């Protein structure tokens, strides 16, 4: 489970960096890389969302360890 959470965290960070590029420079790296294959672009966004949900588990796990 730890490996899955680390992978999910890495994907979420990459997704956050993409959102930072969108906010700062109006540049969507995912759309630029996969503009000719919109299905893959959509799958990447879905995976980033799923990884974000997995990371919620990391948040609660850290809170439980503090007690």
PDB file of N, CA and C in Angstrom:
ATOM      1  N   UNK A   1       0.823  -1.198   0.000  1.00  0.00           N
ATOM      2  CA  UNK A   1       0.000   0.000   0.000  1.00  0.00           C
ATOM      3  C   UNK A   1       0.864   1.258   0.000  1.00  0.00           C
ATOM      4  N   UNK A   2       2.020   1.180   0.656  1.00  0.00           N
ATOM      5  CA  UNK A   2       2.901   2.345   0.718  1.00  0.00           C
ATOM      6  C   UNK A   2       3.388   2.715  -0.677  1.00  0.00           C
ATOM      7  N   UNK A   3       3.733   1.715  -1.496  1.00  0.00           N
ATOM      8  CA  UNK A   3       4.194   1.978  -2.859  1.00  0.00           C
ATOM      9  C   UNK A   3       3.098   2.657  -3.675  1.00  0.00           C
ATOM     10  N   UNK A   4       1.869   2.173  -3.552  1.00  0.00           N
ATOM     11  CA  UNK A   4       0.745   2.779  -4.264  1.00  0.00           C
ATOM     12  C   UNK A   4       0.572   4.244  -3.859  1.00  0.00           C
ATOM     13  N   UNK A   5       0.690   4.528  -2.578  1.00  0.00           N
ATOM     14  CA  UNK A   5       0.528   5.901  -2.111  1.00  0.00           C
ATOM     15  C   UNK A   5       1.663   6.798  -2.604  1.00  0.00           C
ATOM     16  N   UNK A   6       2.873   6.265  -2.679  1.00  0.00           N
ATOM     17  CA  UNK A   6       3.991   7.066  -3.193  1.00  0.00           C
ATOM     18  C   UNK A   6       3.813   7.359  -4.679  1.00  0.00           C
ATOM     19  N   UNK A   7       3.351   6.378  -5.428  1.00  0.00           N
ATOM     20  CA  UNK A   7       3.081   6.596  -6.854  1.00  0.00           C
ATOM     21  C   UNK A   7       1.964   7.619  -7.012  1.00  0.00           C
ATOM     22  N   UNK A   8       0.919   7.477  -6.213  1.00  0.00           N
ATOM     23  CA  UNK A   8      -0.205   8.421  -6.275  1.00  0.00           C
ATOM     24  C   UNK A   8       0.248   9.830  -5.923  1.00  0.00           C
ATOM     25  N   UNK A   9       1.124   9.942  -4.941  1.00  0.00           N
ATOM     26  CA  UNK A   9       1.631  11.259  -4.563  1.00  0.00           C
ATOM     27  C   UNK A   9       2.446  11.869  -5.690  1.00  0.00           C
ATOM     28  N   UNK A  10       3.276  11.082  -6.350  1.00  0.00           N
ATOM     29  CA  UNK A  10       4.079  11.582  -7.471  1.00  0.00           C
ATOM     30  C   UNK A  10       3.187  12.053  -8.615  1.00  0.00           C
ATOM     31  N   UNK A  11       2.152  11.281  -8.939  1.00  0.00           N
ATOM     32  CA  UNK A  11       1.235  11.669 -10.013  1.00  0.00           C
ATOM     33  C   UNK A  11       0.477  12.936  -9.638  1.00  0.00           C
ATOM     34  N   UNK A  12       0.083  13.046  -8.385  1.00  0.00           N
ATOM     35  CA  UNK A  12      -0.630  14.238  -7.929  1.00  0.00           C
ATOM     36  C   UNK A  12       0.266  15.471  -8.004  1.00  0.00           C
ATOM     37  N   UNK A  13       1.524  15.320  -7.664  1.00  0.00           N
ATOM     38  CA  UNK A  13       2.466  16.441  -7.750  1.00  0.00           C
ATOM     39  C   UNK A  13       2.644  16.876  -9.205  1.00  0.00           C
ATOM     40  N   UNK A  14       2.761  15.906 -10.105  1.00  0.00           N
ATOM     41  CA  UNK A  14       2.867  16.245 -11.528  1.00  0.00           C
ATOM     42  C   UNK A  14       1.612  16.981 -11.989  1.00  0.00           C
ATOM     43  N   UNK A  15       0.448  16.518 -11.544  1.00  0.00           N
ATOM     44  CA  UNK A  15      -0.802  17.197 -11.875  1.00  0.00           C
ATOM     45  C   UNK A  15      -0.849  18.613 -11.313  1.00  0.00           C
ATOM     46  N   UNK A  16      -0.340  18.776 -10.105  1.00  0.00           N
ATOM     47  CA  UNK A  16      -0.307  20.115  -9.499  1.00  0.00           C
ATOM     48  C   UNK A  16       0.625  21.044 -10.265  1.00  0.00           C
ATOM     49  N   UNK A  17       1.747  20.510 -10.715  1.00  0.00           N
ATOM     50  CA  UNK A  17       2.664  21.325 -11.521  1.00  0.00           C
ATOM     51  C   UNK A  17       2.009  21.739 -12.832  1.00  0.00           C
ATOM     52  N   UNK A  18       1.228  20.840 -13.423  1.00  0.00           N
ATOM     53  CA  UNK A  18       0.504  21.193 -14.642  1.00  0.00           C
ATOM     54  C   UNK A  18      -0.485  22.323 -14.369  1.00  0.00           C
ATOM     55  N   UNK A  19      -1.197  22.237 -13.244  1.00  0.00           N
ATOM     56  CA  UNK A  19      -2.135  23.317 -12.899  1.00  0.00           C
ATOM     57  C   UNK A  19      -1.398  24.620 -12.631  1.00  0.00           C
ATOM     58  N   UNK A  20      -0.201  24.524 -12.053  1.00  0.00           N
ATOM     59  CA  UNK A  20       0.609  25.730 -11.853  1.00  0.00           C
ATOM     60  C   UNK A  20       0.994  26.374 -13.176  1.00  0.00           C
ATOM     61  N   UNK A  21       1.358  25.537 -14.146  1.00  0.00           N
ATOM     62  CA  UNK A  21       1.677  26.064 -15.476  1.00  0.00           C
ATOM     63  C   UNK A  21       0.459  26.712 -16.122  1.00  0.00           C
ATOM     64  N   UNK A  22      -0.696  26.102 -15.922  1.00  0.00           N
ATOM     65  CA  UNK A  22      -1.926  26.686 -16.477  1.00  0.00           C
ATOM     66  C   UNK A  22      -2.201  28.045 -15.828  1.00  0.00           C
ATOM     67  N   UNK A  23      -2.067  28.109 -14.514  1.00  0.00           N
ATOM     68  CA  UNK A  23      -2.359  29.355 -13.807  1.00  0.00           C
ATOM     69  C   UNK A  23      -1.367  30.467 -14.100  1.00  0.00           C
ATOM     70  N   UNK A  24      -0.099  30.115 -14.160  1.00  0.00           N
ATOM     71  CA  UNK A  24       0.930  31.139 -14.346  1.00  0.00           C
ATOM     72  C   UNK A  24       1.119  31.564 -15.798  1.00  0.00           C
ATOM     73  N   UNK A  25       1.100  30.593 -16.693  1.00  0.00           N
ATOM     74  CA  UNK A  25       1.482  30.876 -18.077  1.00  0.00           C
ATOM     75  C   UNK A  25       0.408  30.520 -19.100  1.00  0.00           C
ATOM     76  N   UNK A  26      -0.757  30.075 -18.633  1.00  0.00           N
ATOM     77  CA  UNK A  26      -1.828  29.634 -19.518  1.00  0.00           C
ATOM     78  C   UNK A  26      -1.307  28.572 -20.500  1.00  0.00           C
ATOM     79  N   UNK A  27      -0.499  27.653 -19.961  1.00  0.00           N
ATOM     80  CA  UNK A  27       0.116  26.587 -20.756  1.00  0.00           C
ATOM     81  C   UNK A  27      -0.245  25.248 -20.149  1.00  0.00           C
ATOM     82  N   UNK A  28      -0.995  24.426 -20.890  1.00  0.00           N
ATOM     83  CA  UNK A  28      -1.414  23.111 -20.421  1.00  0.00           C
ATOM     84  C   UNK A  28      -0.479  22.067 -21.032  1.00  0.00           C
ATOM     85  N   UNK A  29       0.444  21.553 -20.233  1.00  0.00           N
ATOM     86  CA  UNK A  29       1.438  20.599 -20.719  1.00  0.00           C
ATOM     87  C   UNK A  29       0.797  19.299 -21.195  1.00  0.00           C
ATOM     88  N   UNK A  30      -0.195  18.809 -20.472  1.00  0.00           N
ATOM     89  CA  UNK A  30      -0.856  17.558 -20.855  1.00  0.00           C
ATOM     90  C   UNK A  30      -1.548  17.722 -22.204  1.00  0.00           C
ATOM     91  N   UNK A  31      -2.253  18.811 -22.387  1.00  0.00           N
ATOM     92  CA  UNK A  31      -2.939  19.045 -23.658  1.00  0.00           C
ATOM     93  C   UNK A  31      -1.934  19.224 -24.793  1.00  0.00           C
ATOM     94  N   UNK A  32      -0.801  19.840 -24.501  1.00  0.00           N
ATOM     95  CA  UNK A  32       0.220  20.028 -25.522  1.00  0.00           C
ATOM     96  C   UNK A  32       0.827  18.697 -25.944  1.00  0.00           C
ATOM     97  N   UNK A  33       1.093  17.826 -24.974  1.00  0.00           N
ATOM     98  CA  UNK A  33       1.712  16.545 -25.285  1.00  0.00           C
ATOM     99  C   UNK A  33       0.765  15.580 -25.995  1.00  0.00           C
ATOM    100  N   UNK A  34      -0.523  15.642 -25.648  1.00  0.00           N
ATOM    101  CA  UNK A  34      -1.477  14.652 -26.151  1.00  0.00           C
ATOM    102  C   UNK A  34      -2.640  15.278 -26.911  1.00  0.00           C
ATOM    103  N   UNK A  35      -2.428  16.410 -27.553  1.00  0.00           N
ATOM    104  CA  UNK A  35      -3.543  17.086 -28.225  1.00  0.00           C
ATOM    105  C   UNK A  35      -4.097  16.282 -29.390  1.00  0.00           C
ATOM    106  N   UNK A  36      -3.290  15.430 -29.979  1.00  0.00           N
ATOM    107  CA  UNK A  36      -3.796  14.632 -31.095  1.00  0.00           C
ATOM    108  C   UNK A  36      -4.538  13.381 -30.628  1.00  0.00           C
ATOM    109  N   UNK A  37      -4.449  13.077 -29.303  1.00  0.00           N
ATOM    110  CA  UNK A  37      -5.122  11.896 -28.749  1.00  0.00           C
ATOM    111  C   UNK A  37      -5.925  12.336 -27.512  1.00  0.00           C
ATOM    112  N   UNK A  38      -7.105  12.913 -27.717  1.00  0.00           N
ATOM    113  CA  UNK A  38      -7.868  13.448 -26.584  1.00  0.00           C
ATOM    114  C   UNK A  38      -8.287  12.393 -25.556  1.00  0.00           C
ATOM    115  N   UNK A  39      -8.414  11.142 -25.975  1.00  0.00           N
ATOM    116  CA  UNK A  39      -8.800  10.085 -25.033  1.00  0.00           C
ATOM    117  C   UNK A  39      -7.702   9.887 -23.988  1.00  0.00           C
ATOM    118  N   UNK A  40      -6.449   9.903 -24.416  1.00  0.00           N
ATOM    119  CA  UNK A  40      -5.331   9.744 -23.474  1.00  0.00           C
ATOM    120  C   UNK A  40      -5.265  10.940 -22.532  1.00  0.00           C
ATOM    121  N   UNK A  41      -5.508  12.133 -23.052  1.00  0.00           N
ATOM    122  CA  UNK A  41      -5.525  13.332 -22.214  1.00  0.00           C
ATOM    123  C   UNK A  41      -6.578  13.195 -21.112  1.00  0.00           C
ATOM    124  N   UNK A  42      -7.756  12.731 -21.481  1.00  0.00           N
ATOM    125  CA  UNK A  42      -8.832  12.554 -20.507  1.00  0.00           C
ATOM    126  C   UNK A  42      -8.470  11.486 -19.481  1.00  0.00           C
ATOM    127  N   UNK A  43      -7.851  10.396 -19.925  1.00  0.00           N
ATOM    128  CA  UNK A  43      -7.431   9.334 -19.004  1.00  0.00           C
ATOM    129  C   UNK A  43      -6.411   9.864 -18.001  1.00  0.00           C
ATOM    130  N   UNK A  44      -5.492  10.696 -18.452  1.00  0.00           N
ATOM    131  CA  UNK A  44      -4.491  11.265 -17.548  1.00  0.00           C
ATOM    132  C   UNK A  44      -5.165  12.116 -16.481  1.00  0.00           C
ATOM    133  N   UNK A  45      -6.127  12.943 -16.877  1.00  0.00           N
ATOM    134  CA  UNK A  45      -6.842  13.758 -15.893  1.00  0.00           C
ATOM    135  C   UNK A  45      -7.605  12.890 -14.891  1.00  0.00           C
ATOM    136  N   UNK A  46      -8.193  11.823 -15.351  1.00  0.00           N
ATOM    137  CA  UNK A  46      -8.917  10.907 -14.459  1.00  0.00           C
ATOM    138  C   UNK A  46      -7.945  10.251 -13.484  1.00  0.00           C
ATOM    139  N   UNK A  47      -6.781   9.816 -13.979  1.00  0.00           N
ATOM    140  CA  UNK A  47      -5.781   9.201 -13.102  1.00  0.00           C
ATOM    141  C   UNK A  47      -5.272  10.172 -12.038  1.00  0.00           C
ATOM    142  N   UNK A  48      -5.067  11.429 -12.424  1.00  0.00           N
ATOM    143  CA  UNK A  48      -4.633  12.431 -11.439  1.00  0.00           C
ATOM    144  C   UNK A  48      -5.709  12.610 -10.369  1.00  0.00           C
ATOM    145  N   UNK A  49      -6.970  12.615 -10.765  1.00  0.00           N
ATOM    146  CA  UNK A  49      -8.065  12.727  -9.798  1.00  0.00           C
ATOM    147  C   UNK A  49      -8.128  11.534  -8.859  1.00  0.00           C
ATOM    148  N   UNK A  50      -7.963  10.338  -9.400  1.00  0.00           N
ATOM    149  CA  UNK A  50      -7.963   9.134  -8.561  1.00  0.00           C
ATOM    150  C   UNK A  50      -6.793   9.163  -7.591  1.00  0.00           C
ATOM    151  N   UNK A  51      -5.632   9.584  -8.078  1.00  0.00           N
ATOM    152  CA  UNK A  51      -4.457   9.671  -7.201  1.00  0.00           C
ATOM    153  C   UNK A  51      -4.670  10.698  -6.095  1.00  0.00           C
ATOM    154  N   UNK A  52      -5.375  11.778  -6.409  1.00  0.00           N
ATOM    155  CA  UNK A  52      -5.708  12.753  -5.368  1.00  0.00           C
ATOM    156  C   UNK A  52      -6.582  12.138  -4.291  1.00  0.00           C
ATOM    157  N   UNK A  53      -7.521  11.300  -4.688  1.00  0.00           N
ATOM    158  CA  UNK A  53      -8.370  10.617  -3.707  1.00  0.00           C
ATOM    159  C   UNK A  53      -7.557   9.643  -2.856  1.00  0.00           C
ATOM    160  N   UNK A  54      -6.616   8.960  -3.473  1.00  0.00           N
ATOM    161  CA  UNK A  54      -5.746   8.053  -2.715  1.00  0.00           C
ATOM    162  C   UNK A  54      -4.930   8.836  -1.688  1.00  0.00           C
ATOM    163  N   UNK A  55      -4.513  10.038  -2.057  1.00  0.00           N
ATOM    164  CA  UNK A  55      -3.716  10.863  -1.148  1.00  0.00           C
ATOM    165  C   UNK A  55      -4.499  11.330   0.076  1.00  0.00           C
ATOM    166  N   UNK A  56      -5.812  11.332  -0.014  1.00  0.00           N
ATOM    167  CA  UNK A  56      -6.612  11.645   1.170  1.00  0.00           C
ATOM    168  C   UNK A  56      -6.306  10.626   2.262  1.00  0.00           C
ATOM    169  N   UNK A  57      -6.081   9.370   1.858  1.00  0.00           N
ATOM    170  CA  UNK A  57      -5.696   8.341   2.821  1.00  0.00           C
ATOM    171  C   UNK A  57      -4.390   8.667   3.520  1.00  0.00           C
ATOM    172  N   UNK A  58      -3.442   9.259   2.809  1.00  0.00           N
ATOM    173  CA  UNK A  58      -2.172   9.661   3.420  1.00  0.00           C
ATOM    174  C   UNK A  58      -2.425  10.709   4.492  1.00  0.00           C
ATOM    175  N   UNK A  59      -3.293  11.647   4.221  1.00  0.00           N
ATOM    176  CA  UNK A  59      -3.609  12.696   5.183  1.00  0.00           C
ATOM    177  C   UNK A  59      -4.161  12.104   6.475  1.00  0.00           C
ATOM    178  N   UNK A  60      -5.137  11.202   6.356  1.00  0.00           N
ATOM    179  CA  UNK A  60      -5.725  10.620   7.548  1.00  0.00           C
ATOM    180  C   UNK A  60      -4.773   9.663   8.253  1.00  0.00           C
ATOM    181  N   UNK A  61      -3.920   8.985   7.523  1.00  0.00           N
ATOM    182  CA  UNK A  61      -2.957   8.092   8.127  1.00  0.00           C
ATOM    183  C   UNK A  61      -1.985   8.884   8.990  1.00  0.00           C
ATOM    184  N   UNK A  62      -1.543  10.029   8.516  1.00  0.00           N
ATOM    185  CA  UNK A  62      -0.637  10.872   9.292  1.00  0.00           C
ATOM    186  C   UNK A  62      -1.324  11.411  10.554  1.00  0.00           C
ATOM    187  N   UNK A  63      -2.602  11.719  10.459  1.00  0.00           N
ATOM    188  CA  UNK A  63      -3.325  12.215  11.623  1.00  0.00           C
ATOM    189  C   UNK A  63      -3.456  11.111  12.677  1.00  0.00           C
ATOM    190  N   UNK A  64      -3.683   9.877  12.247  1.00  0.00           N
ATOM    191  CA  UNK A  64      -3.834   8.774  13.191  1.00  0.00           C
ATOM    192  C   UNK A  64      -2.525   8.439  13.870  1.00  0.00           C
ATOM    193  N   UNK A  65      -1.391   8.604  13.178  1.00  0.00           N
ATOM    194  CA  UNK A  65      -0.096   8.293  13.768  1.00  0.00           C
ATOM    195  C   UNK A  65       0.287   9.278  14.859  1.00  0.00           C
ATOM    196  N   UNK A  66      -0.258  10.486  14.848  1.00  0.00           N
ATOM    197  CA  UNK A  66       0.071  11.510  15.837  1.00  0.00           C
ATOM    198  C   UNK A  66      -0.543  11.215  17.209  1.00  0.00           C
ATOM    199  N   UNK A  67      -1.651  10.470  17.203  1.00  0.00           N
ATOM    200  CA  UNK A  67      -2.348  10.195  18.468  1.00  0.00           C
ATOM    201  C   UNK A  67      -1.587   9.245  19.353  1.00  0.00           C
TER     202      UNK A  67
END
